[in-house]
Amino acid sequence: MQYNTKSRSAYQQSYEVLRDMILKGEIAQGTKLVEEKLAADLGVSRTPIRESIRKLEQEGLIVNKRVVSLSETDLRNTFELRKLLEGYAVRSAAAYLSDKALLSLERCVEIGQSGTKDEIMEANKEFHEIIMCSTNNPLMIDLFERMQSVIYLFRQTVVYFNRPFLIEEHHRICEAIKAHDGDTAERLMKEHLQADLDFYVHLNRHS
């Protein structure tokens, strides 16, 4: 199977395809990844495959070139960490977010209300990234980046299965940031992330 790599780099495309295959169960848990085979399957050289595997190792989906098994406990632990990181980050946003960044945040909410599923996915990603970047803390941002595959899994679920009140929660968080109300912004962010987790767990227990 050949994948078009014109619009994105071979590395980015390979990373996204491998990530999605793992998260959708198309590559079974415990599977050992063979660079040569993956390169042939995706129609790219081994270099982007190697880089993709390295990134997925950083994000916790691969260990020693084997696909890990993500338990519900692993997912809950990830979200406890997200609450700490993004709770702090949204407080920083309430205190320091620039007018330009606030406009971008409001634009993400607007897209969430009227965009296509893919546009909402991207806007959701940007919404949380803008808030995290407001910390100006490279260590926290790097830690957040290392969770992106698991975050993507949840984002895909809540967007494509239309989690109730998702965008309304983004709107309320945005309004709290705009009002420089760090206490409310932090509470709303933690409730928002917990709602994402609860929705995902409920959906998977009943699928």
N, C-alpha and C. Protein backbone atom coordinates (compact mmCIF):
# COMPACT_ATOMS: atom_id res chain seq x y z
N MET A 1 0.85 -1.20 0.00
CA MET A 1 0.00 0.00 0.00
C MET A 1 0.88 1.25 0.00
N GLN A 2 0.65 2.13 -0.94
CA GLN A 2 1.45 3.35 -1.03
C GLN A 2 0.67 4.52 -0.42
N TYR A 3 1.36 5.39 0.31
CA TYR A 3 0.73 6.56 0.94
C TYR A 3 1.29 7.83 0.32
N ASN A 4 0.42 8.74 0.00
CA ASN A 4 0.84 10.00 -0.60
C ASN A 4 1.55 10.85 0.44
N THR A 5 2.79 11.22 0.18
CA THR A 5 3.55 12.01 1.13
C THR A 5 3.83 13.41 0.61
N LYS A 6 3.13 13.85 -0.41
CA LYS A 6 3.39 15.16 -0.99
C LYS A 6 2.99 16.29 -0.05
N SER A 7 1.83 16.16 0.60
CA SER A 7 1.32 17.26 1.40
C SER A 7 2.02 17.36 2.75
N ARG A 8 2.58 16.26 3.24
CA ARG A 8 3.28 16.26 4.51
C ARG A 8 4.58 15.50 4.35
N SER A 9 5.49 15.68 5.27
CA SER A 9 6.76 14.97 5.19
C SER A 9 6.52 13.47 5.34
N ALA A 10 7.43 12.68 4.80
CA ALA A 10 7.33 11.22 4.93
C ALA A 10 7.32 10.82 6.40
N TYR A 11 8.10 11.54 7.20
CA TYR A 11 8.14 11.25 8.64
C TYR A 11 6.79 11.51 9.29
N GLN A 12 6.20 12.69 9.05
CA GLN A 12 4.93 13.04 9.68
C GLN A 12 3.83 12.08 9.25
N GLN A 13 3.82 11.76 7.97
CA GLN A 13 2.80 10.85 7.47
C GLN A 13 2.98 9.45 8.07
N SER A 14 4.21 8.98 8.11
CA SER A 14 4.49 7.67 8.68
C SER A 14 4.10 7.61 10.15
N TYR A 15 4.46 8.66 10.86
CA TYR A 15 4.12 8.73 12.29
C TYR A 15 2.60 8.65 12.49
N GLU A 16 1.85 9.44 11.72
CA GLU A 16 0.40 9.47 11.89
C GLU A 16 -0.23 8.13 11.52
N VAL A 17 0.26 7.51 10.45
CA VAL A 17 -0.30 6.22 10.04
C VAL A 17 -0.01 5.15 11.10
N LEU A 18 1.23 5.08 11.58
CA LEU A 18 1.59 4.09 12.59
C LEU A 18 0.80 4.34 13.88
N ARG A 19 0.73 5.58 14.30
CA ARG A 19 -0.02 5.92 15.52
C ARG A 19 -1.46 5.46 15.40
N ASP A 20 -2.11 5.78 14.26
CA ASP A 20 -3.51 5.41 14.08
C ASP A 20 -3.70 3.90 14.03
N MET A 21 -2.78 3.21 13.38
CA MET A 21 -2.88 1.75 13.30
C MET A 21 -2.77 1.11 14.69
N ILE A 22 -1.90 1.67 15.52
CA ILE A 22 -1.76 1.15 16.88
C ILE A 22 -3.00 1.46 17.71
N LEU A 23 -3.44 2.71 17.66
CA LEU A 23 -4.58 3.13 18.48
C LEU A 23 -5.89 2.46 18.06
N LYS A 24 -6.00 2.12 16.78
CA LYS A 24 -7.20 1.45 16.30
C LYS A 24 -7.12 -0.07 16.42
N GLY A 25 -5.98 -0.57 16.91
CA GLY A 25 -5.83 -2.00 17.08
C GLY A 25 -5.46 -2.75 15.82
N GLU A 26 -5.11 -2.01 14.76
CA GLU A 26 -4.73 -2.66 13.51
C GLU A 26 -3.34 -3.29 13.62
N ILE A 27 -2.53 -2.78 14.52
CA ILE A 27 -1.29 -3.44 14.92
C ILE A 27 -1.52 -3.89 16.35
N ALA A 28 -1.55 -5.19 16.57
CA ALA A 28 -1.94 -5.73 17.87
C ALA A 28 -0.94 -5.37 18.96
N GLN A 29 -1.44 -5.28 20.19
CA GLN A 29 -0.58 -5.05 21.34
C GLN A 29 0.43 -6.19 21.45
N GLY A 30 1.67 -5.83 21.76
CA GLY A 30 2.72 -6.82 21.87
C GLY A 30 3.46 -7.10 20.57
N THR A 31 2.95 -6.58 19.46
CA THR A 31 3.58 -6.81 18.16
C THR A 31 4.96 -6.16 18.09
N LYS A 32 5.94 -6.90 17.61
CA LYS A 32 7.27 -6.32 17.39
C LYS A 32 7.29 -5.65 16.03
N LEU A 33 7.71 -4.40 15.99
CA LEU A 33 7.72 -3.63 14.75
C LEU A 33 9.02 -3.87 14.00
N VAL A 34 8.89 -4.19 12.73
CA VAL A 34 10.05 -4.43 11.87
C VAL A 34 10.14 -3.28 10.87
N GLU A 35 11.21 -2.51 10.96
CA GLU A 35 11.35 -1.31 10.14
C GLU A 35 11.23 -1.59 8.65
N GLU A 36 11.91 -2.64 8.19
CA GLU A 36 11.90 -2.95 6.75
C GLU A 36 10.49 -3.22 6.24
N LYS A 37 9.72 -3.99 6.99
CA LYS A 37 8.36 -4.33 6.58
C LYS A 37 7.46 -3.10 6.58
N LEU A 38 7.57 -2.31 7.64
CA LEU A 38 6.74 -1.10 7.72
C LEU A 38 7.09 -0.12 6.60
N ALA A 39 8.36 0.01 6.30
CA ALA A 39 8.79 0.90 5.23
C ALA A 39 8.20 0.45 3.90
N ALA A 40 8.23 -0.86 3.66
CA ALA A 40 7.67 -1.40 2.41
C ALA A 40 6.16 -1.21 2.37
N ASP A 41 5.48 -1.46 3.49
CA ASP A 41 4.02 -1.32 3.56
C ASP A 41 3.58 0.12 3.32
N LEU A 42 4.35 1.08 3.84
CA LEU A 42 3.95 2.48 3.74
C LEU A 42 4.58 3.18 2.52
N GLY A 43 5.48 2.49 1.83
CA GLY A 43 6.07 3.07 0.64
C GLY A 43 7.03 4.20 0.92
N VAL A 44 7.77 4.08 2.04
CA VAL A 44 8.76 5.10 2.40
C VAL A 44 10.07 4.40 2.74
N SER A 45 11.11 5.19 2.98
CA SER A 45 12.40 4.60 3.37
C SER A 45 12.36 4.26 4.86
N ARG A 46 13.41 3.61 5.32
CA ARG A 46 13.45 3.22 6.74
C ARG A 46 13.64 4.41 7.66
N THR A 47 14.25 5.50 7.15
CA THR A 47 14.54 6.65 8.02
C THR A 47 13.29 7.24 8.66
N PRO A 48 12.24 7.59 7.89
CA PRO A 48 11.03 8.12 8.54
C PRO A 48 10.35 7.11 9.46
N ILE A 49 10.47 5.82 9.14
CA ILE A 49 9.91 4.78 10.01
C ILE A 49 10.66 4.77 11.34
N ARG A 50 11.98 4.84 11.25
CA ARG A 50 12.80 4.84 12.47
C ARG A 50 12.48 6.06 13.33
N GLU A 51 12.33 7.22 12.70
CA GLU A 51 12.01 8.45 13.43
C GLU A 51 10.61 8.37 14.05
N SER A 52 9.68 7.76 13.32
CA SER A 52 8.32 7.61 13.83
C SER A 52 8.28 6.70 15.04
N ILE A 53 9.01 5.60 14.96
CA ILE A 53 9.07 4.67 16.09
C ILE A 53 9.68 5.35 17.31
N ARG A 54 10.72 6.15 17.09
CA ARG A 54 11.35 6.87 18.19
C ARG A 54 10.36 7.82 18.87
N LYS A 55 9.57 8.53 18.07
CA LYS A 55 8.58 9.45 18.65
C LYS A 55 7.50 8.69 19.40
N LEU A 56 7.05 7.58 18.84
CA LEU A 56 6.01 6.78 19.49
C LEU A 56 6.53 6.13 20.77
N GLU A 57 7.84 5.87 20.82
CA GLU A 57 8.46 5.39 22.06
C GLU A 57 8.42 6.49 23.12
N GLN A 58 8.71 7.72 22.69
CA GLN A 58 8.66 8.86 23.62
C GLN A 58 7.25 9.07 24.15
N GLU A 59 6.26 8.78 23.31
CA GLU A 59 4.87 8.98 23.70
C GLU A 59 4.26 7.77 24.41
N GLY A 60 5.07 6.73 24.60
CA GLY A 60 4.63 5.61 25.41
C GLY A 60 3.84 4.53 24.71
N LEU A 61 3.73 4.60 23.38
CA LEU A 61 2.97 3.58 22.66
C LEU A 61 3.83 2.38 22.26
N ILE A 62 5.14 2.57 22.25
CA ILE A 62 6.07 1.51 21.86
C ILE A 62 7.18 1.43 22.91
N VAL A 63 7.52 0.21 23.30
CA VAL A 63 8.65 -0.03 24.21
C VAL A 63 9.50 -1.14 23.61
N ASN A 64 10.79 -0.87 23.42
CA ASN A 64 11.70 -1.86 22.80
C ASN A 64 11.14 -2.37 21.47
N LYS A 65 10.59 -1.46 20.70
CA LYS A 65 10.03 -1.73 19.37
C LYS A 65 8.82 -2.67 19.39
N ARG A 66 8.19 -2.79 20.56
CA ARG A 66 6.95 -3.55 20.66
C ARG A 66 5.81 -2.62 21.07
N VAL A 67 4.63 -2.87 20.50
CA VAL A 67 3.45 -2.09 20.84
C VAL A 67 3.02 -2.43 22.27
N VAL A 68 2.84 -1.41 23.09
CA VAL A 68 2.48 -1.64 24.49
C VAL A 68 0.97 -1.88 24.62
N SER A 69 0.58 -2.40 25.76
CA SER A 69 -0.83 -2.56 26.09
C SER A 69 -1.22 -1.43 27.02
N LEU A 70 -2.14 -0.58 26.59
CA LEU A 70 -2.58 0.54 27.41
C LEU A 70 -3.81 0.11 28.22
N SER A 71 -3.64 -0.01 29.50
CA SER A 71 -4.75 -0.40 30.37
C SER A 71 -5.55 0.84 30.76
N GLU A 72 -6.72 0.60 31.32
CA GLU A 72 -7.53 1.72 31.81
C GLU A 72 -6.77 2.49 32.88
N THR A 73 -5.99 1.77 33.69
CA THR A 73 -5.19 2.43 34.72
C THR A 73 -4.15 3.35 34.10
N ASP A 74 -3.51 2.89 33.01
CA ASP A 74 -2.54 3.74 32.31
C ASP A 74 -3.20 5.03 31.82
N LEU A 75 -4.40 4.88 31.26
CA LEU A 75 -5.11 6.04 30.73
C LEU A 75 -5.52 6.99 31.85
N ARG A 76 -5.97 6.44 32.96
CA ARG A 76 -6.34 7.29 34.10
C ARG A 76 -5.11 8.02 34.65
N ASN A 77 -3.99 7.33 34.71
CA ASN A 77 -2.76 7.98 35.18
C ASN A 77 -2.35 9.12 34.27
N THR A 78 -2.49 8.90 32.97
CA THR A 78 -2.18 9.96 32.01
C THR A 78 -3.05 11.18 32.26
N PHE A 79 -4.32 10.94 32.52
CA PHE A 79 -5.22 12.07 32.72
C PHE A 79 -5.01 12.77 34.06
N GLU A 80 -4.56 12.04 35.06
CA GLU A 80 -4.21 12.71 36.32
C GLU A 80 -3.04 13.67 36.09
N LEU A 81 -2.08 13.24 35.28
CA LEU A 81 -0.95 14.11 34.94
C LEU A 81 -1.41 15.28 34.09
N ARG A 82 -2.31 15.02 33.15
CA ARG A 82 -2.84 16.12 32.33
C ARG A 82 -3.53 17.17 33.20
N LYS A 83 -4.28 16.73 34.19
CA LYS A 83 -4.96 17.68 35.07
C LYS A 83 -3.96 18.59 35.78
N LEU A 84 -2.86 17.98 36.25
CA LEU A 84 -1.84 18.79 36.92
C LEU A 84 -1.22 19.79 35.96
N LEU A 85 -0.81 19.30 34.78
CA LEU A 85 -0.14 20.16 33.81
C LEU A 85 -1.08 21.25 33.28
N GLU A 86 -2.25 20.83 32.82
CA GLU A 86 -3.14 21.79 32.18
C GLU A 86 -3.89 22.65 33.20
N GLY A 87 -4.02 22.16 34.43
CA GLY A 87 -4.56 23.00 35.49
C GLY A 87 -3.64 24.18 35.77
N TYR A 88 -2.34 23.87 35.84
CA TYR A 88 -1.35 24.93 36.02
C TYR A 88 -1.31 25.84 34.81
N ALA A 89 -1.34 25.21 33.63
CA ALA A 89 -1.22 25.98 32.39
C ALA A 89 -2.37 26.97 32.22
N VAL A 90 -3.57 26.56 32.55
CA VAL A 90 -4.72 27.45 32.35
C VAL A 90 -4.69 28.60 33.35
N ARG A 91 -4.08 28.36 34.50
CA ARG A 91 -3.86 29.48 35.44
C ARG A 91 -2.87 30.49 34.84
N SER A 92 -1.83 29.97 34.21
CA SER A 92 -0.87 30.84 33.54
C SER A 92 -1.54 31.62 32.43
N ALA A 93 -2.42 30.94 31.68
CA ALA A 93 -3.13 31.61 30.59
C ALA A 93 -4.00 32.73 31.12
N ALA A 94 -4.67 32.48 32.24
CA ALA A 94 -5.54 33.51 32.82
C ALA A 94 -4.74 34.74 33.25
N ALA A 95 -3.50 34.50 33.62
CA ALA A 95 -2.67 35.62 34.09
C ALA A 95 -1.90 36.29 32.96
N TYR A 96 -1.44 35.51 31.98
CA TYR A 96 -0.44 36.04 31.05
C TYR A 96 -0.79 35.95 29.57
N LEU A 97 -1.87 35.27 29.21
CA LEU A 97 -2.14 35.05 27.78
C LEU A 97 -2.28 36.37 27.04
N SER A 98 -1.58 36.49 25.92
CA SER A 98 -1.63 37.73 25.14
C SER A 98 -2.97 37.88 24.44
N ASP A 99 -3.27 39.10 24.03
CA ASP A 99 -4.52 39.35 23.30
C ASP A 99 -4.56 38.55 22.01
N LYS A 100 -3.43 38.44 21.34
CA LYS A 100 -3.36 37.69 20.08
C LYS A 100 -3.66 36.22 20.32
N ALA A 101 -3.06 35.65 21.38
CA ALA A 101 -3.29 34.25 21.69
C ALA A 101 -4.74 34.02 22.12
N LEU A 102 -5.31 34.99 22.83
CA LEU A 102 -6.71 34.88 23.25
C LEU A 102 -7.64 34.86 22.04
N LEU A 103 -7.33 35.66 21.05
CA LEU A 103 -8.13 35.65 19.81
C LEU A 103 -8.05 34.29 19.13
N SER A 104 -6.86 33.70 19.13
CA SER A 104 -6.68 32.37 18.54
C SER A 104 -7.49 31.33 19.32
N LEU A 105 -7.50 31.48 20.64
CA LEU A 105 -8.26 30.57 21.49
C LEU A 105 -9.76 30.68 21.20
N GLU A 106 -10.24 31.92 21.05
CA GLU A 106 -11.65 32.14 20.73
C GLU A 106 -12.00 31.59 19.35
N ARG A 107 -11.03 31.68 18.43
CA ARG A 107 -11.25 31.13 17.10
C ARG A 107 -11.38 29.61 17.15
N CYS A 108 -10.61 28.96 18.01
CA CYS A 108 -10.73 27.52 18.19
C CYS A 108 -12.13 27.13 18.66
N VAL A 109 -12.68 27.93 19.55
CA VAL A 109 -14.03 27.67 20.05
C VAL A 109 -15.05 27.83 18.92
N GLU A 110 -14.87 28.87 18.11
CA GLU A 110 -15.79 29.11 16.98
C GLU A 110 -15.76 27.94 16.00
N ILE A 111 -14.58 27.45 15.69
CA ILE A 111 -14.45 26.31 14.78
C ILE A 111 -15.12 25.08 15.40
N GLY A 112 -14.95 24.93 16.71
CA GLY A 112 -15.57 23.81 17.40
C GLY A 112 -17.08 23.83 17.31
N GLN A 113 -17.65 25.01 17.17
CA GLN A 113 -19.11 25.14 17.11
C GLN A 113 -19.67 24.91 15.71
N SER A 114 -18.85 25.10 14.68
CA SER A 114 -19.40 25.05 13.32
C SER A 114 -18.55 24.29 12.31
N GLY A 115 -17.38 23.79 12.71
CA GLY A 115 -16.48 23.16 11.75
C GLY A 115 -16.82 21.72 11.45
N THR A 116 -16.09 21.16 10.49
CA THR A 116 -16.20 19.73 10.20
C THR A 116 -15.51 18.96 11.33
N LYS A 117 -15.67 17.64 11.32
CA LYS A 117 -15.03 16.82 12.36
C LYS A 117 -13.52 17.02 12.36
N ASP A 118 -12.92 17.01 11.17
CA ASP A 118 -11.46 17.18 11.09
C ASP A 118 -11.04 18.56 11.56
N GLU A 119 -11.82 19.59 11.21
CA GLU A 119 -11.51 20.95 11.66
C GLU A 119 -11.64 21.06 13.18
N ILE A 120 -12.65 20.40 13.74
CA ILE A 120 -12.84 20.42 15.19
C ILE A 120 -11.70 19.70 15.89
N MET A 121 -11.26 18.58 15.30
CA MET A 121 -10.11 17.86 15.86
C MET A 121 -8.89 18.77 15.95
N GLU A 122 -8.60 19.49 14.87
CA GLU A 122 -7.43 20.36 14.83
C GLU A 122 -7.60 21.54 15.79
N ALA A 123 -8.81 22.10 15.83
CA ALA A 123 -9.07 23.23 16.73
C ALA A 123 -8.96 22.80 18.19
N ASN A 124 -9.42 21.59 18.49
CA ASN A 124 -9.31 21.05 19.84
C ASN A 124 -7.84 20.94 20.25
N LYS A 125 -7.04 20.42 19.35
CA LYS A 125 -5.60 20.29 19.59
C LYS A 125 -4.97 21.65 19.83
N GLU A 126 -5.29 22.61 18.97
CA GLU A 126 -4.70 23.94 19.09
C GLU A 126 -5.14 24.63 20.38
N PHE A 127 -6.40 24.43 20.78
CA PHE A 127 -6.93 25.04 22.01
C PHE A 127 -6.05 24.66 23.20
N HIS A 128 -5.79 23.38 23.35
CA HIS A 128 -5.01 22.92 24.50
C HIS A 128 -3.54 23.31 24.36
N GLU A 129 -3.02 23.35 23.15
CA GLU A 129 -1.62 23.73 22.94
C GLU A 129 -1.38 25.20 23.27
N ILE A 130 -2.32 26.06 22.87
CA ILE A 130 -2.19 27.50 23.17
C ILE A 130 -2.11 27.70 24.68
N ILE A 131 -2.98 27.00 25.40
CA ILE A 131 -3.00 27.13 26.86
C ILE A 131 -1.71 26.59 27.46
N MET A 132 -1.24 25.44 27.00
CA MET A 132 0.00 24.87 27.54
C MET A 132 1.18 25.78 27.26
N CYS A 133 1.24 26.36 26.08
CA CYS A 133 2.37 27.22 25.72
C CYS A 133 2.42 28.49 26.56
N SER A 134 1.30 28.85 27.16
CA SER A 134 1.27 30.07 27.98
C SER A 134 2.12 29.93 29.23
N THR A 135 2.50 28.69 29.59
CA THR A 135 3.36 28.49 30.75
C THR A 135 4.78 29.00 30.50
N ASN A 136 5.18 29.04 29.22
CA ASN A 136 6.57 29.37 28.87
C ASN A 136 7.56 28.48 29.60
N ASN A 137 7.12 27.25 29.88
CA ASN A 137 7.97 26.30 30.60
C ASN A 137 8.28 25.13 29.67
N PRO A 138 9.49 25.11 29.09
CA PRO A 138 9.80 24.07 28.10
C PRO A 138 9.73 22.65 28.64
N LEU A 139 10.03 22.46 29.92
CA LEU A 139 9.96 21.11 30.49
C LEU A 139 8.52 20.61 30.56
N MET A 140 7.60 21.49 30.97
CA MET A 140 6.19 21.11 31.04
C MET A 140 5.63 20.88 29.64
N ILE A 141 6.02 21.73 28.71
CA ILE A 141 5.53 21.59 27.33
C ILE A 141 6.04 20.29 26.72
N ASP A 142 7.30 19.94 27.01
CA ASP A 142 7.87 18.70 26.49
C ASP A 142 7.14 17.49 27.08
N LEU A 143 6.83 17.54 28.36
CA LEU A 143 6.10 16.45 29.01
C LEU A 143 4.72 16.29 28.39
N PHE A 144 4.06 17.41 28.13
CA PHE A 144 2.76 17.41 27.48
C PHE A 144 2.86 16.79 26.08
N GLU A 145 3.92 17.15 25.35
CA GLU A 145 4.12 16.62 24.00
C GLU A 145 4.30 15.11 24.01
N ARG A 146 4.90 14.59 25.06
CA ARG A 146 5.15 13.15 25.15
C ARG A 146 3.87 12.35 25.36
N MET A 147 2.79 13.03 25.67
CA MET A 147 1.51 12.35 25.86
C MET A 147 0.59 12.48 24.65
N GLN A 148 1.12 13.00 23.53
CA GLN A 148 0.24 13.37 22.42
C GLN A 148 -0.51 12.20 21.80
N SER A 149 0.09 11.03 21.73
CA SER A 149 -0.63 9.90 21.13
C SER A 149 -1.84 9.51 21.96
N VAL A 150 -1.67 9.45 23.26
CA VAL A 150 -2.81 9.11 24.13
C VAL A 150 -3.84 10.23 24.10
N ILE A 151 -3.38 11.47 24.09
CA ILE A 151 -4.31 12.60 24.00
C ILE A 151 -5.08 12.54 22.69
N TYR A 152 -4.40 12.19 21.60
CA TYR A 152 -5.05 12.06 20.30
C TYR A 152 -6.15 11.00 20.35
N LEU A 153 -5.88 9.90 21.03
CA LEU A 153 -6.87 8.82 21.16
C LEU A 153 -8.15 9.36 21.79
N PHE A 154 -8.03 10.12 22.86
CA PHE A 154 -9.20 10.69 23.52
C PHE A 154 -9.86 11.76 22.66
N ARG A 155 -9.03 12.61 22.03
CA ARG A 155 -9.59 13.69 21.21
C ARG A 155 -10.43 13.11 20.08
N GLN A 156 -9.92 12.07 19.46
CA GLN A 156 -10.62 11.42 18.36
C GLN A 156 -11.97 10.87 18.84
N THR A 157 -11.97 10.27 20.02
CA THR A 157 -13.20 9.68 20.56
C THR A 157 -14.23 10.74 20.90
N VAL A 158 -13.82 11.78 21.62
CA VAL A 158 -14.81 12.77 22.06
C VAL A 158 -15.35 13.60 20.90
N VAL A 159 -14.53 13.82 19.87
CA VAL A 159 -14.99 14.59 18.71
C VAL A 159 -15.88 13.75 17.81
N TYR A 160 -15.42 12.58 17.44
CA TYR A 160 -16.15 11.78 16.46
C TYR A 160 -17.40 11.12 17.04
N PHE A 161 -17.43 10.97 18.35
CA PHE A 161 -18.64 10.42 18.98
C PHE A 161 -19.46 11.50 19.68
N ASN A 162 -19.14 12.76 19.37
CA ASN A 162 -19.95 13.90 19.80
C ASN A 162 -20.20 13.93 21.31
N ARG A 163 -19.11 13.99 22.07
CA ARG A 163 -19.30 14.10 23.52
C ARG A 163 -20.11 15.35 23.85
N PRO A 164 -21.17 15.21 24.65
CA PRO A 164 -21.99 16.38 24.99
C PRO A 164 -21.18 17.45 25.72
N PHE A 165 -21.48 18.69 25.39
CA PHE A 165 -20.94 19.87 26.09
C PHE A 165 -19.44 20.11 25.89
N LEU A 166 -18.82 19.37 24.97
CA LEU A 166 -17.38 19.52 24.75
C LEU A 166 -17.00 20.96 24.42
N ILE A 167 -17.66 21.54 23.42
CA ILE A 167 -17.30 22.89 22.98
C ILE A 167 -17.79 23.94 23.97
N GLU A 168 -18.93 23.68 24.61
CA GLU A 168 -19.41 24.60 25.65
C GLU A 168 -18.38 24.71 26.77
N GLU A 169 -17.75 23.59 27.11
CA GLU A 169 -16.71 23.61 28.14
C GLU A 169 -15.50 24.44 27.69
N HIS A 170 -15.11 24.29 26.43
CA HIS A 170 -14.03 25.12 25.89
C HIS A 170 -14.40 26.59 25.99
N HIS A 171 -15.64 26.90 25.65
CA HIS A 171 -16.10 28.30 25.70
C HIS A 171 -16.00 28.85 27.12
N ARG A 172 -16.43 28.06 28.11
CA ARG A 172 -16.40 28.54 29.50
C ARG A 172 -14.96 28.72 29.99
N ILE A 173 -14.08 27.80 29.59
CA ILE A 173 -12.67 27.94 29.95
C ILE A 173 -12.09 29.22 29.34
N CYS A 174 -12.43 29.45 28.08
CA CYS A 174 -11.97 30.65 27.38
C CYS A 174 -12.46 31.91 28.08
N GLU A 175 -13.70 31.91 28.50
CA GLU A 175 -14.27 33.08 29.18
C GLU A 175 -13.59 33.31 30.53
N ALA A 176 -13.26 32.24 31.24
CA ALA A 176 -12.56 32.40 32.52
C ALA A 176 -11.16 32.96 32.31
N ILE A 177 -10.49 32.52 31.26
CA ILE A 177 -9.17 33.07 30.92
C ILE A 177 -9.29 34.55 30.59
N LYS A 178 -10.30 34.87 29.80
CA LYS A 178 -10.53 36.26 29.39
C LYS A 178 -10.79 37.17 30.59
N ALA A 179 -11.45 36.60 31.61
CA ALA A 179 -11.76 37.36 32.82
C ALA A 179 -10.62 37.34 33.83
N HIS A 180 -9.50 36.70 33.47
CA HIS A 180 -8.33 36.56 34.35
C HIS A 180 -8.69 35.87 35.66
N ASP A 181 -9.60 34.92 35.58
CA ASP A 181 -10.06 34.18 36.75
C ASP A 181 -9.39 32.80 36.78
N GLY A 182 -8.20 32.76 37.37
CA GLY A 182 -7.41 31.54 37.37
C GLY A 182 -8.06 30.40 38.13
N ASP A 183 -8.72 30.70 39.26
CA ASP A 183 -9.36 29.64 40.06
C ASP A 183 -10.44 28.93 39.25
N THR A 184 -11.30 29.72 38.62
CA THR A 184 -12.38 29.13 37.82
C THR A 184 -11.83 28.40 36.60
N ALA A 185 -10.85 28.99 35.96
CA ALA A 185 -10.26 28.38 34.77
C ALA A 185 -9.67 27.01 35.10
N GLU A 186 -8.97 26.91 36.23
CA GLU A 186 -8.37 25.64 36.63
C GLU A 186 -9.45 24.60 36.94
N ARG A 187 -10.47 25.01 37.67
CA ARG A 187 -11.56 24.08 38.01
C ARG A 187 -12.25 23.57 36.75
N LEU A 188 -12.53 24.49 35.83
CA LEU A 188 -13.22 24.11 34.59
C LEU A 188 -12.36 23.18 33.74
N MET A 189 -11.06 23.43 33.68
CA MET A 189 -10.17 22.59 32.89
C MET A 189 -10.13 21.17 33.46
N LYS A 190 -10.01 21.06 34.77
CA LYS A 190 -9.95 19.73 35.38
C LYS A 190 -11.26 18.98 35.19
N GLU A 191 -12.39 19.69 35.30
CA GLU A 191 -13.69 19.05 35.06
C GLU A 191 -13.82 18.62 33.60
N HIS A 192 -13.30 19.44 32.70
CA HIS A 192 -13.34 19.16 31.27
C HIS A 192 -12.55 17.88 30.95
N LEU A 193 -11.35 17.76 31.49
CA LEU A 193 -10.52 16.58 31.25
C LEU A 193 -11.14 15.33 31.88
N GLN A 194 -11.72 15.47 33.06
CA GLN A 194 -12.37 14.33 33.69
C GLN A 194 -13.56 13.86 32.86
N ALA A 195 -14.29 14.80 32.28
CA ALA A 195 -15.43 14.45 31.43
C ALA A 195 -14.97 13.70 30.18
N ASP A 196 -13.84 14.10 29.61
CA ASP A 196 -13.26 13.38 28.47
C ASP A 196 -12.96 11.93 28.85
N LEU A 197 -12.30 11.77 29.99
CA LEU A 197 -11.92 10.43 30.44
C LEU A 197 -13.15 9.57 30.71
N ASP A 198 -14.12 10.13 31.43
CA ASP A 198 -15.33 9.38 31.76
C ASP A 198 -16.07 8.94 30.50
N PHE A 199 -16.14 9.83 29.52
CA PHE A 199 -16.83 9.53 28.26
C PHE A 199 -16.13 8.39 27.54
N TYR A 200 -14.82 8.46 27.46
CA TYR A 200 -14.04 7.43 26.76
C TYR A 200 -14.19 6.07 27.44
N VAL A 201 -14.05 6.06 28.75
CA VAL A 201 -14.13 4.79 29.50
C VAL A 201 -15.52 4.18 29.37
N HIS A 202 -16.55 5.00 29.49
CA HIS A 202 -17.93 4.51 29.37
C HIS A 202 -18.16 3.92 27.97
N LEU A 203 -17.69 4.63 26.96
CA LEU A 203 -17.88 4.19 25.59
C LEU A 203 -17.21 2.85 25.34
N ASN A 204 -15.99 2.69 25.86
CA ASN A 204 -15.25 1.46 25.60
C ASN A 204 -15.77 0.29 26.44
N ARG A 205 -16.30 0.56 27.60
CA ARG A 205 -16.87 -0.52 28.41
C ARG A 205 -18.16 -1.07 27.80
N HIS A 206 -18.83 -0.24 27.00
CA HIS A 206 -20.12 -0.64 26.43
C HIS A 206 -20.05 -0.86 24.91
N SER A 207 -18.82 -0.94 24.40
CA SER A 207 -18.68 -1.16 22.94
C SER A 207 -18.59 -2.65 22.64
